[in-house]
């Protein structure tokens, strides 16, 4: 089965940290750029961060710069999202997906495919 699986979500207090993992099954993750997205109830899916393949360049939404860090371990076929200084507005279901090579926006969900099932992140006191 070719799919992505997200894990690492949970309940955390404001100011806390979580590390999300996106692991590929059935294909080599290292051949693809990967993006993280999140969606809160009643809101559109929002691009959070992405990482390229050859150069390892990273992209972040303005709302998470300085707090979130994306990285990858191709040997483990996994992309991580380290989330620090979490805020209640970070709450949502977090998804990872594969970047289409012809995409023009690194944080646009329309250019991604092979979405995982998502992992819930709740930031609350």
C-alpha atoms as a PDB file:
ATOM      1  CA  UNK A   1       0.000   0.000   0.000  1.00  0.00           C
ATOM      2  CA  UNK A   2       1.375   3.401  -1.022  1.00  0.00           C
ATOM      3  CA  UNK A   3       0.547   5.905   1.695  1.00  0.00           C
ATOM      4  CA  UNK A   4       1.773   8.458   4.226  1.00  0.00           C
ATOM      5  CA  UNK A   5       1.138   8.046   7.939  1.00  0.00           C
ATOM      6  CA  UNK A   6       1.225  10.944  10.409  1.00  0.00           C
ATOM      7  CA  UNK A   7       1.867  10.463  14.114  1.00  0.00           C
ATOM      8  CA  UNK A   8       2.898  12.395  17.212  1.00  0.00           C
ATOM      9  CA  UNK A   9      -0.157  14.540  17.805  1.00  0.00           C
ATOM     10  CA  UNK A  10      -1.833  14.972  21.152  1.00  0.00           C
ATOM     11  CA  UNK A  11      -2.913  17.396  23.845  1.00  0.00           C
ATOM     12  CA  UNK A  12      -0.374  19.971  25.003  1.00  0.00           C
ATOM     13  CA  UNK A  13      -0.509  23.152  27.081  1.00  0.00           C
ATOM     14  CA  UNK A  14       0.262  26.556  25.548  1.00  0.00           C
ATOM     15  CA  UNK A  15       4.014  27.028  25.339  1.00  0.00           C
ATOM     16  CA  UNK A  16       4.624  23.305  25.073  1.00  0.00           C
ATOM     17  CA  UNK A  17       6.163  21.266  22.281  1.00  0.00           C
ATOM     18  CA  UNK A  18       5.293  18.348  20.037  1.00  0.00           C
ATOM     19  CA  UNK A  19       7.143  16.549  17.276  1.00  0.00           C
ATOM     20  CA  UNK A  20       5.077  15.182  14.413  1.00  0.00           C
ATOM     21  CA  UNK A  21       6.295  12.430  12.113  1.00  0.00           C
ATOM     22  CA  UNK A  22       5.317  11.668   8.529  1.00  0.00           C
ATOM     23  CA  UNK A  23       6.415   8.222   7.405  1.00  0.00           C
ATOM     24  CA  UNK A  24       6.073   6.738   3.927  1.00  0.00           C
ATOM     25  CA  UNK A  25       4.874   3.220   3.268  1.00  0.00           C
ATOM     26  CA  UNK A  26       5.283   1.630  -0.151  1.00  0.00           C
ATOM     27  CA  UNK A  27       7.604   4.252  -1.657  1.00  0.00           C
ATOM     28  CA  UNK A  28      10.873   6.054  -0.941  1.00  0.00           C
ATOM     29  CA  UNK A  29      10.108   9.355   0.750  1.00  0.00           C
ATOM     30  CA  UNK A  30      13.518  10.754  -0.153  1.00  0.00           C
ATOM     31  CA  UNK A  31      12.534  11.173  -3.804  1.00  0.00           C
ATOM     32  CA  UNK A  32       9.816  13.703  -3.016  1.00  0.00           C
ATOM     33  CA  UNK A  33       9.302  17.117  -1.499  1.00  0.00           C
ATOM     34  CA  UNK A  34       6.926  16.922   1.462  1.00  0.00           C
ATOM     35  CA  UNK A  35       4.547  19.441   2.970  1.00  0.00           C
ATOM     36  CA  UNK A  36       2.758  19.769   6.312  1.00  0.00           C
ATOM     37  CA  UNK A  37      -0.741  21.247   6.434  1.00  0.00           C
ATOM     38  CA  UNK A  38      -3.318  21.780   9.135  1.00  0.00           C
ATOM     39  CA  UNK A  39      -7.057  22.251   9.261  1.00  0.00           C
ATOM     40  CA  UNK A  40      -9.243  23.548  12.064  1.00  0.00           C
ATOM     41  CA  UNK A  41     -13.020  22.894  12.143  1.00  0.00           C
ATOM     42  CA  UNK A  42     -14.848  25.160   9.693  1.00  0.00           C
ATOM     43  CA  UNK A  43     -11.631  26.487   8.170  1.00  0.00           C
ATOM     44  CA  UNK A  44      -9.720  25.758   4.993  1.00  0.00           C
ATOM     45  CA  UNK A  45      -6.618  23.615   4.993  1.00  0.00           C
ATOM     46  CA  UNK A  46      -3.568  25.780   5.640  1.00  0.00           C
ATOM     47  CA  UNK A  47      -0.002  25.226   4.509  1.00  0.00           C
ATOM     48  CA  UNK A  48       2.375  25.091   7.475  1.00  0.00           C
ATOM     49  CA  UNK A  49       5.774  24.026   6.178  1.00  0.00           C
ATOM     50  CA  UNK A  50       7.469  22.147   3.357  1.00  0.00           C
ATOM     51  CA  UNK A  51      10.880  20.742   2.550  1.00  0.00           C
ATOM     52  CA  UNK A  52      12.568  20.063  -0.781  1.00  0.00           C
ATOM     53  CA  UNK A  53      14.570  17.008  -1.818  1.00  0.00           C
ATOM     54  CA  UNK A  54      17.848  17.878  -3.542  1.00  0.00           C
ATOM     55  CA  UNK A  55      18.712  21.090  -1.706  1.00  0.00           C
ATOM     56  CA  UNK A  56      16.805  20.554   1.522  1.00  0.00           C
ATOM     57  CA  UNK A  57      15.361  24.062   1.395  1.00  0.00           C
ATOM     58  CA  UNK A  58      12.525  24.748   3.809  1.00  0.00           C
ATOM     59  CA  UNK A  59       9.447  26.940   3.674  1.00  0.00           C
ATOM     60  CA  UNK A  60       7.249  28.144   6.533  1.00  0.00           C
ATOM     61  CA  UNK A  61       3.999  29.976   6.962  1.00  0.00           C
ATOM     62  CA  UNK A  62       4.522  33.357   8.612  1.00  0.00           C
ATOM     63  CA  UNK A  63       2.416  32.260  11.568  1.00  0.00           C
ATOM     64  CA  UNK A  64       4.871  29.501  12.535  1.00  0.00           C
ATOM     65  CA  UNK A  65       8.276  30.964  11.627  1.00  0.00           C
ATOM     66  CA  UNK A  66      10.665  30.813  14.543  1.00  0.00           C
ATOM     67  CA  UNK A  67       8.545  28.200  16.333  1.00  0.00           C
ATOM     68  CA  UNK A  68       8.300  25.233  13.952  1.00  0.00           C
ATOM     69  CA  UNK A  69      11.142  23.350  12.257  1.00  0.00           C
ATOM     70  CA  UNK A  70      10.774  20.841   9.431  1.00  0.00           C
ATOM     71  CA  UNK A  71      13.419  18.206   8.776  1.00  0.00           C
ATOM     72  CA  UNK A  72      13.803  14.860   7.064  1.00  0.00           C
ATOM     73  CA  UNK A  73      15.578  11.559   7.581  1.00  0.00           C
ATOM     74  CA  UNK A  74      15.523   9.816   4.233  1.00  0.00           C
ATOM     75  CA  UNK A  75      17.090   6.657   5.635  1.00  0.00           C
ATOM     76  CA  UNK A  76      13.984   6.309   7.805  1.00  0.00           C
ATOM     77  CA  UNK A  77      11.687   7.576   5.038  1.00  0.00           C
ATOM     78  CA  UNK A  78      10.368  10.143   7.504  1.00  0.00           C
ATOM     79  CA  UNK A  79       9.768  13.896   7.624  1.00  0.00           C
ATOM     80  CA  UNK A  80       9.427  15.607  10.996  1.00  0.00           C
ATOM     81  CA  UNK A  81       7.750  18.768  12.180  1.00  0.00           C
ATOM     82  CA  UNK A  82       9.122  20.028  15.491  1.00  0.00           C
ATOM     83  CA  UNK A  83       6.616  22.425  17.026  1.00  0.00           C
ATOM     84  CA  UNK A  84       7.717  24.647  19.910  1.00  0.00           C
ATOM     85  CA  UNK A  85       6.037  27.480  21.803  1.00  0.00           C
ATOM     86  CA  UNK A  86       2.654  26.129  20.796  1.00  0.00           C
ATOM     87  CA  UNK A  87      -0.366  28.412  20.859  1.00  0.00           C
ATOM     88  CA  UNK A  88      -4.101  27.601  21.013  1.00  0.00           C
ATOM     89  CA  UNK A  89      -4.435  28.786  17.409  1.00  0.00           C
ATOM     90  CA  UNK A  90      -2.112  25.954  16.362  1.00  0.00           C
ATOM     91  CA  UNK A  91      -4.909  23.499  17.173  1.00  0.00           C
ATOM     92  CA  UNK A  92      -6.095  21.371  14.270  1.00  0.00           C
ATOM     93  CA  UNK A  93      -5.639  18.167  12.336  1.00  0.00           C
ATOM     94  CA  UNK A  94      -2.164  18.048  10.813  1.00  0.00           C
ATOM     95  CA  UNK A  95      -1.592  16.308   7.488  1.00  0.00           C
ATOM     96  CA  UNK A  96       1.453  15.567   5.393  1.00  0.00           C
ATOM     97  CA  UNK A  97       1.464  15.132   1.623  1.00  0.00           C
ATOM     98  CA  UNK A  98       3.711  14.710  -1.406  1.00  0.00           C
ATOM     99  CA  UNK A  99       4.571  17.752  -3.497  1.00  0.00           C
ATOM    100  CA  UNK A 100       3.725  17.594  -7.211  1.00  0.00           C
ATOM    101  CA  UNK A 101       6.855  18.437  -9.258  1.00  0.00           C
ATOM    102  CA  UNK A 102       5.012  21.004 -11.394  1.00  0.00           C
ATOM    103  CA  UNK A 103       3.665  22.987  -8.453  1.00  0.00           C
ATOM    104  CA  UNK A 104       4.224  26.734  -8.180  1.00  0.00           C
ATOM    105  CA  UNK A 105       3.451  27.394  -4.509  1.00  0.00           C
ATOM    106  CA  UNK A 106       5.274  25.452  -1.827  1.00  0.00           C
ATOM    107  CA  UNK A 107       2.479  25.930   0.705  1.00  0.00           C
ATOM    108  CA  UNK A 108      -0.527  25.448  -1.570  1.00  0.00           C
ATOM    109  CA  UNK A 109      -2.505  22.268  -0.914  1.00  0.00           C
ATOM    110  CA  UNK A 110      -3.585  22.136  -4.573  1.00  0.00           C
ATOM    111  CA  UNK A 111      -0.079  21.087  -5.596  1.00  0.00           C
ATOM    112  CA  UNK A 112       0.115  18.120  -3.195  1.00  0.00           C
ATOM    113  CA  UNK A 113      -1.094  14.545  -3.319  1.00  0.00           C
ATOM    114  CA  UNK A 114      -0.970  11.264  -1.376  1.00  0.00           C
ATOM    115  CA  UNK A 115      -2.405  12.775   1.788  1.00  0.00           C
ATOM    116  CA  UNK A 116      -2.097  10.941   5.067  1.00  0.00           C
ATOM    117  CA  UNK A 117      -4.955  10.367   7.499  1.00  0.00           C
ATOM    118  CA  UNK A 118      -3.944  13.245   9.766  1.00  0.00           C
ATOM    119  CA  UNK A 119      -3.013  13.539  13.424  1.00  0.00           C
ATOM    120  CA  UNK A 120      -4.878  15.726  15.919  1.00  0.00           C
ATOM    121  CA  UNK A 121      -3.009  18.509  17.723  1.00  0.00           C
ATOM    122  CA  UNK A 122      -4.823  20.271  20.549  1.00  0.00           C
ATOM    123  CA  UNK A 123      -3.217  23.182  22.404  1.00  0.00           C
ATOM    124  CA  UNK A 124      -5.205  24.052  25.500  1.00  0.00           C
ATOM    125  CA  UNK A 125      -4.741  24.733  29.184  1.00  0.00           C
END
